[in-house]
C-alpha atoms as a PDB file:
ATOM      1  CA  UNK A   1      -8.423   7.453   5.810  1.00  0.00           C
ATOM      2  CA  UNK A   2      -5.067   7.906   4.497  1.00  0.00           C
ATOM      3  CA  UNK A   3      -3.062   9.945   1.792  1.00  0.00           C
ATOM      4  CA  UNK A   4      -0.470   7.613   0.566  1.00  0.00           C
ATOM      5  CA  UNK A   5       2.433   9.944   1.935  1.00  0.00           C
ATOM      6  CA  UNK A   6       4.613   7.276   3.962  1.00  0.00           C
ATOM      7  CA  UNK A   7       5.753   8.572   7.265  1.00  0.00           C
ATOM      8  CA  UNK A   8       8.605   6.087   7.900  1.00  0.00           C
ATOM      9  CA  UNK A   9       9.628   2.523   7.124  1.00  0.00           C
ATOM     10  CA  UNK A  10       9.410   0.341  10.135  1.00  0.00           C
ATOM     11  CA  UNK A  11       9.908  -3.360  10.426  1.00  0.00           C
ATOM     12  CA  UNK A  12       8.199  -6.392  11.596  1.00  0.00           C
ATOM     13  CA  UNK A  13       9.722  -7.366  14.981  1.00  0.00           C
ATOM     14  CA  UNK A  14       7.527 -10.480  15.558  1.00  0.00           C
ATOM     15  CA  UNK A  15       4.796 -12.519  14.024  1.00  0.00           C
ATOM     16  CA  UNK A  16       2.399 -14.893  15.794  1.00  0.00           C
ATOM     17  CA  UNK A  17       0.129 -16.939  13.517  1.00  0.00           C
ATOM     18  CA  UNK A  18      -3.238 -18.373  15.321  1.00  0.00           C
ATOM     19  CA  UNK A  19      -5.121 -20.379  12.710  1.00  0.00           C
ATOM     20  CA  UNK A  20      -7.059 -17.880  10.380  1.00  0.00           C
ATOM     21  CA  UNK A  21      -5.240 -14.913  11.860  1.00  0.00           C
ATOM     22  CA  UNK A  22      -2.133 -13.443  12.988  1.00  0.00           C
ATOM     23  CA  UNK A  23      -0.688 -10.870  15.590  1.00  0.00           C
ATOM     24  CA  UNK A  24       2.099  -8.668  14.298  1.00  0.00           C
ATOM     25  CA  UNK A  25       4.625  -6.672  16.431  1.00  0.00           C
ATOM     26  CA  UNK A  26       5.909  -3.835  14.400  1.00  0.00           C
ATOM     27  CA  UNK A  27       9.007  -1.564  15.301  1.00  0.00           C
ATOM     28  CA  UNK A  28       8.364   2.190  14.819  1.00  0.00           C
ATOM     29  CA  UNK A  29       9.252   5.645  15.821  1.00  0.00           C
ATOM     30  CA  UNK A  30       7.332   8.442  14.207  1.00  0.00           C
ATOM     31  CA  UNK A  31       4.040   6.927  14.024  1.00  0.00           C
ATOM     32  CA  UNK A  32       3.993   6.273  17.608  1.00  0.00           C
ATOM     33  CA  UNK A  33       4.627   9.706  18.806  1.00  0.00           C
ATOM     34  CA  UNK A  34       1.132  10.210  19.650  1.00  0.00           C
ATOM     35  CA  UNK A  35      -0.337   6.781  19.058  1.00  0.00           C
ATOM     36  CA  UNK A  36      -3.568   5.620  21.140  1.00  0.00           C
ATOM     37  CA  UNK A  37      -5.326   2.264  21.425  1.00  0.00           C
ATOM     38  CA  UNK A  38      -7.641   1.799  18.717  1.00  0.00           C
ATOM     39  CA  UNK A  39      -6.022   4.242  16.273  1.00  0.00           C
ATOM     40  CA  UNK A  40      -5.511   3.277  12.557  1.00  0.00           C
ATOM     41  CA  UNK A  41      -1.916   2.865  10.965  1.00  0.00           C
ATOM     42  CA  UNK A  42      -1.501   1.841   7.310  1.00  0.00           C
ATOM     43  CA  UNK A  43       1.085  -1.020   7.049  1.00  0.00           C
ATOM     44  CA  UNK A  44       2.166  -1.394   3.388  1.00  0.00           C
ATOM     45  CA  UNK A  45      -1.283  -0.064   2.368  1.00  0.00           C
ATOM     46  CA  UNK A  46      -3.166  -1.927   4.735  1.00  0.00           C
ATOM     47  CA  UNK A  47      -5.310  -0.028   7.478  1.00  0.00           C
ATOM     48  CA  UNK A  48      -4.679  -1.910  10.763  1.00  0.00           C
ATOM     49  CA  UNK A  49      -5.808  -1.116  14.214  1.00  0.00           C
ATOM     50  CA  UNK A  50      -3.283  -0.500  17.046  1.00  0.00           C
ATOM     51  CA  UNK A  51      -3.957  -3.089  19.927  1.00  0.00           C
ATOM     52  CA  UNK A  52      -0.878  -2.366  22.239  1.00  0.00           C
ATOM     53  CA  UNK A  53       1.987   0.057  22.191  1.00  0.00           C
ATOM     54  CA  UNK A  54       5.104   0.518  24.257  1.00  0.00           C
ATOM     55  CA  UNK A  55       6.385   3.533  22.550  1.00  0.00           C
ATOM     56  CA  UNK A  56       9.074   1.440  20.482  1.00  0.00           C
ATOM     57  CA  UNK A  57       6.555  -1.257  19.022  1.00  0.00           C
ATOM     58  CA  UNK A  58       2.927  -1.541  18.389  1.00  0.00           C
ATOM     59  CA  UNK A  59       0.767  -4.676  18.123  1.00  0.00           C
ATOM     60  CA  UNK A  60      -2.154  -5.441  15.674  1.00  0.00           C
ATOM     61  CA  UNK A  61      -4.424  -8.334  14.956  1.00  0.00           C
ATOM     62  CA  UNK A  62      -4.723  -9.339  11.077  1.00  0.00           C
ATOM     63  CA  UNK A  63      -7.820 -11.526  10.168  1.00  0.00           C
ATOM     64  CA  UNK A  64      -7.390 -14.349   7.673  1.00  0.00           C
ATOM     65  CA  UNK A  65      -9.452 -12.308   4.966  1.00  0.00           C
ATOM     66  CA  UNK A  66      -6.667  -9.629   5.101  1.00  0.00           C
ATOM     67  CA  UNK A  67      -3.787 -12.126   5.238  1.00  0.00           C
ATOM     68  CA  UNK A  68      -5.258 -13.853   1.973  1.00  0.00           C
ATOM     69  CA  UNK A  69      -5.929 -10.762   0.127  1.00  0.00           C
ATOM     70  CA  UNK A  70      -2.792  -8.691   0.782  1.00  0.00           C
ATOM     71  CA  UNK A  71       1.056  -9.517   0.844  1.00  0.00           C
ATOM     72  CA  UNK A  72       0.813  -9.371   4.610  1.00  0.00           C
ATOM     73  CA  UNK A  73       0.359 -12.932   4.795  1.00  0.00           C
ATOM     74  CA  UNK A  74       3.930 -13.450   3.316  1.00  0.00           C
ATOM     75  CA  UNK A  75       5.556 -10.922   5.799  1.00  0.00           C
ATOM     76  CA  UNK A  76       8.376 -12.331   7.885  1.00  0.00           C
ATOM     77  CA  UNK A  77      10.333 -11.146  11.123  1.00  0.00           C
ATOM     78  CA  UNK A  78      12.868  -8.398   9.994  1.00  0.00           C
ATOM     79  CA  UNK A  79      10.955  -7.214   6.791  1.00  0.00           C
ATOM     80  CA  UNK A  80      10.561  -3.550   6.301  1.00  0.00           C
ATOM     81  CA  UNK A  81       7.182  -2.088   5.981  1.00  0.00           C
ATOM     82  CA  UNK A  82       5.806   1.333   4.845  1.00  0.00           C
ATOM     83  CA  UNK A  83       4.106   3.065   8.150  1.00  0.00           C
ATOM     84  CA  UNK A  84       1.413   6.145   7.923  1.00  0.00           C
ATOM     85  CA  UNK A  85      -0.869   7.380  10.516  1.00  0.00           C
ATOM     86  CA  UNK A  86      -4.543   8.207   9.613  1.00  0.00           C
ATOM     87  CA  UNK A  87      -4.805  11.775   8.308  1.00  0.00           C
ATOM     88  CA  UNK A  88      -6.002  14.179  10.937  1.00  0.00           C
ATOM     89  CA  UNK A  89      -9.033  16.331  10.032  1.00  0.00           C
ATOM     90  CA  UNK A  90      -7.794  19.646   8.611  1.00  0.00           C
ATOM     91  CA  UNK A  91      -4.263  18.096   7.867  1.00  0.00           C
ATOM     92  CA  UNK A  92      -2.832  18.397   4.395  1.00  0.00           C
ATOM     93  CA  UNK A  93      -3.940  15.806   1.693  1.00  0.00           C
ATOM     94  CA  UNK A  94      -0.444  15.328   0.138  1.00  0.00           C
ATOM     95  CA  UNK A  95      -1.335  12.368  -1.891  1.00  0.00           C
ATOM     96  CA  UNK A  96      -4.838  11.199  -2.701  1.00  0.00           C
ATOM     97  CA  UNK A  97      -7.831   9.600  -0.951  1.00  0.00           C
ATOM     98  CA  UNK A  98      -6.650   6.302   0.289  1.00  0.00           C
ATOM     99  CA  UNK A  99      -8.852   4.049   2.423  1.00  0.00           C
ATOM    100  CA  UNK A 100      -6.285   1.322   3.284  1.00  0.00           C
ATOM    101  CA  UNK A 101      -8.459  -1.223   1.851  1.00  0.00           C
ATOM    102  CA  UNK A 102      -6.238  -3.486  -0.525  1.00  0.00           C
ATOM    103  CA  UNK A 103      -7.966  -4.491  -3.884  1.00  0.00           C
ATOM    104  CA  UNK A 104      -5.350  -6.831  -5.029  1.00  0.00           C
ATOM    105  CA  UNK A 105      -1.722  -7.783  -4.934  1.00  0.00           C
ATOM    106  CA  UNK A 106       0.532  -7.054  -8.127  1.00  0.00           C
ATOM    107  CA  UNK A 107       4.023  -8.319  -8.968  1.00  0.00           C
ATOM    108  CA  UNK A 108       6.819  -6.064  -9.804  1.00  0.00           C
ATOM    109  CA  UNK A 109       7.973  -6.740 -13.357  1.00  0.00           C
ATOM    110  CA  UNK A 110      10.811  -4.554 -14.079  1.00  0.00           C
ATOM    111  CA  UNK A 111      12.777  -1.443 -12.847  1.00  0.00           C
ATOM    112  CA  UNK A 112      14.460   0.988 -15.432  1.00  0.00           C
ATOM    113  CA  UNK A 113      16.813   3.446 -13.872  1.00  0.00           C
ATOM    114  CA  UNK A 114      17.226   7.057 -15.275  1.00  0.00           C
ATOM    115  CA  UNK A 115      19.604   9.678 -14.181  1.00  0.00           C
ATOM    116  CA  UNK A 116      17.268  11.133 -11.307  1.00  0.00           C
ATOM    117  CA  UNK A 117      14.253   8.607 -10.972  1.00  0.00           C
ATOM    118  CA  UNK A 118      13.339   5.083 -11.714  1.00  0.00           C
ATOM    119  CA  UNK A 119      10.607   3.494 -13.808  1.00  0.00           C
ATOM    120  CA  UNK A 120       8.851   0.687 -12.119  1.00  0.00           C
ATOM    121  CA  UNK A 121       6.497  -1.779 -14.100  1.00  0.00           C
ATOM    122  CA  UNK A 122       3.914  -3.736 -12.034  1.00  0.00           C
ATOM    123  CA  UNK A 123       1.721  -6.275 -13.198  1.00  0.00           C
ATOM    124  CA  UNK A 124      -1.931  -6.297 -11.660  1.00  0.00           C
ATOM    125  CA  UNK A 125      -4.850  -8.209 -11.509  1.00  0.00           C
ATOM    126  CA  UNK A 126      -6.865  -8.162 -14.844  1.00  0.00           C
ATOM    127  CA  UNK A 127     -10.273  -7.070 -12.670  1.00  0.00           C
ATOM    128  CA  UNK A 128      -8.554  -4.069 -11.491  1.00  0.00           C
ATOM    129  CA  UNK A 129      -7.179  -2.783 -14.958  1.00  0.00           C
ATOM    130  CA  UNK A 130     -10.170  -0.922 -15.762  1.00  0.00           C
ATOM    131  CA  UNK A 131      -9.995   1.425 -12.780  1.00  0.00           C
ATOM    132  CA  UNK A 132      -6.431   2.419 -13.560  1.00  0.00           C
ATOM    133  CA  UNK A 133      -5.689   5.345 -15.842  1.00  0.00           C
ATOM    134  CA  UNK A 134      -2.714   7.170 -17.008  1.00  0.00           C
ATOM    135  CA  UNK A 135      -1.971  10.117 -14.947  1.00  0.00           C
ATOM    136  CA  UNK A 136      -4.416   8.769 -12.269  1.00  0.00           C
ATOM    137  CA  UNK A 137      -3.536   7.805  -8.874  1.00  0.00           C
ATOM    138  CA  UNK A 138      -2.854   4.505  -7.402  1.00  0.00           C
ATOM    139  CA  UNK A 139      -1.559   3.287  -4.170  1.00  0.00           C
ATOM    140  CA  UNK A 140       1.433   0.637  -4.127  1.00  0.00           C
ATOM    141  CA  UNK A 141       2.360  -0.709  -0.708  1.00  0.00           C
ATOM    142  CA  UNK A 142       0.744   2.283   0.747  1.00  0.00           C
ATOM    143  CA  UNK A 143       2.587   5.004  -1.350  1.00  0.00           C
ATOM    144  CA  UNK A 144       0.459   7.351  -3.384  1.00  0.00           C
ATOM    145  CA  UNK A 145       1.905   7.392  -6.998  1.00  0.00           C
ATOM    146  CA  UNK A 146       0.888   8.718 -10.343  1.00  0.00           C
ATOM    147  CA  UNK A 147       0.474   6.235 -13.267  1.00  0.00           C
ATOM    148  CA  UNK A 148       2.943   7.272 -16.087  1.00  0.00           C
ATOM    149  CA  UNK A 149       2.129   4.500 -18.523  1.00  0.00           C
ATOM    150  CA  UNK A 150      -0.084   1.531 -18.664  1.00  0.00           C
ATOM    151  CA  UNK A 151      -0.727  -1.434 -21.073  1.00  0.00           C
ATOM    152  CA  UNK A 152      -3.295  -1.607 -23.762  1.00  0.00           C
ATOM    153  CA  UNK A 153      -7.034  -1.771 -22.673  1.00  0.00           C
ATOM    154  CA  UNK A 154      -7.228  -5.264 -24.131  1.00  0.00           C
ATOM    155  CA  UNK A 155      -4.036  -6.642 -22.758  1.00  0.00           C
ATOM    156  CA  UNK A 156      -4.708 -10.035 -21.012  1.00  0.00           C
ATOM    157  CA  UNK A 157      -1.743  -9.408 -18.773  1.00  0.00           C
ATOM    158  CA  UNK A 158      -2.317  -5.755 -17.721  1.00  0.00           C
ATOM    159  CA  UNK A 159       0.411  -3.502 -16.177  1.00  0.00           C
ATOM    160  CA  UNK A 160       1.239   0.055 -15.258  1.00  0.00           C
ATOM    161  CA  UNK A 161       4.189   1.905 -14.587  1.00  0.00           C
ATOM    162  CA  UNK A 162       5.268   4.630 -12.122  1.00  0.00           C
ATOM    163  CA  UNK A 163       8.174   6.993 -12.054  1.00  0.00           C
ATOM    164  CA  UNK A 164       9.983   6.943  -8.528  1.00  0.00           C
ATOM    165  CA  UNK A 165      11.796  10.004  -7.506  1.00  0.00           C
ATOM    166  CA  UNK A 166      14.900   9.670  -5.372  1.00  0.00           C
ATOM    167  CA  UNK A 167      12.738  10.695  -2.047  1.00  0.00           C
ATOM    168  CA  UNK A 168      10.608   7.836  -2.772  1.00  0.00           C
ATOM    169  CA  UNK A 169      13.206   5.342  -3.599  1.00  0.00           C
ATOM    170  CA  UNK A 170      15.076   6.406  -0.297  1.00  0.00           C
ATOM    171  CA  UNK A 171      12.068   6.804   2.171  1.00  0.00           C
ATOM    172  CA  UNK A 172       9.895   3.856   1.283  1.00  0.00           C
ATOM    173  CA  UNK A 173      10.190   0.158   0.625  1.00  0.00           C
ATOM    174  CA  UNK A 174       9.708   0.687  -3.032  1.00  0.00           C
ATOM    175  CA  UNK A 175      13.429   1.240  -3.503  1.00  0.00           C
ATOM    176  CA  UNK A 176      14.152  -2.164  -2.562  1.00  0.00           C
ATOM    177  CA  UNK A 177      11.273  -4.073  -4.482  1.00  0.00           C
ATOM    178  CA  UNK A 178      12.710  -6.360  -6.934  1.00  0.00           C
ATOM    179  CA  UNK A 179      11.180  -7.996 -10.159  1.00  0.00           C
ATOM    180  CA  UNK A 180       8.891 -10.906  -8.688  1.00  0.00           C
ATOM    181  CA  UNK A 181       8.106  -9.068  -5.306  1.00  0.00           C
ATOM    182  CA  UNK A 182       4.399  -8.518  -4.353  1.00  0.00           C
ATOM    183  CA  UNK A 183       3.023  -5.284  -3.905  1.00  0.00           C
ATOM    184  CA  UNK A 184      -0.271  -4.312  -2.163  1.00  0.00           C
ATOM    185  CA  UNK A 185      -2.619  -2.263  -4.580  1.00  0.00           C
ATOM    186  CA  UNK A 186      -5.410   0.047  -3.938  1.00  0.00           C
ATOM    187  CA  UNK A 187      -7.093   1.696  -6.864  1.00  0.00           C
ATOM    188  CA  UNK A 188      -8.822   5.061  -6.971  1.00  0.00           C
ATOM    189  CA  UNK A 189     -12.137   4.282  -4.737  1.00  0.00           C
ATOM    190  CA  UNK A 190     -13.814   7.555  -6.851  1.00  0.00           C
ATOM    191  CA  UNK A 191     -13.627   5.097  -9.843  1.00  0.00           C
ATOM    192  CA  UNK A 192     -15.168   2.290  -8.282  1.00  0.00           C
ATOM    193  CA  UNK A 193     -18.190   4.480  -6.967  1.00  0.00           C
ATOM    194  CA  UNK A 194     -18.756   5.915 -10.383  1.00  0.00           C
ATOM    195  CA  UNK A 195     -18.881   2.306 -11.854  1.00  0.00           C
ATOM    196  CA  UNK A 196     -21.197   1.259  -9.327  1.00  0.00           C
ATOM    197  CA  UNK A 197     -23.470   4.233  -9.706  1.00  0.00           C
ATOM    198  CA  UNK A 198     -23.536   4.060 -13.608  1.00  0.00           C
ATOM    199  CA  UNK A 199     -24.248   0.332 -13.274  1.00  0.00           C
ATOM    200  CA  UNK A 200     -27.378   0.975 -11.045  1.00  0.00           C
ATOM    201  CA  UNK A 201     -28.589   3.476 -13.414  1.00  0.00           C
ATOM    202  CA  UNK A 202     -28.384   1.024 -16.383  1.00  0.00           C
END
């Protein structure tokens, strides 16, 4: 699992498509300091497995399901990516519980700068709206964020807003996302489990 605290912004060095899958080679620094084959690294919020590493780049296999259900399918060589190693047992949980399992792809709608932060509005798939609550947690491209506002419950085109501090704008790819850009979304897993359990009882 992850915490949604991005350790560094890497970049896609190369991509090799192979039918319904792809092999990605990613440039990185910090996340490779203690990497081993089979380790998990979050790439824009997607949990991927290290299949090779030379200390400067690492390689991972991405199946068709992941390419279809996340924004990784649109990644091209040179694109920046948010990277986070899986949290170590006993480590600090700085963000919230993040699985690295993308629930859907949202779209940046707008950016509103303030003096010391920036408000970003994101459209999300209607089927995910019920899991998003004001002041709750959501993961956007692998970044743990707090929902600062959201659309009405019956809005057919739901959205939510997050307020990004200067560190987030500077140290993650969210500072570069423009209106129209896709972003990977992972809602709070606890909400999904609660819904499932309550549904089973009724």
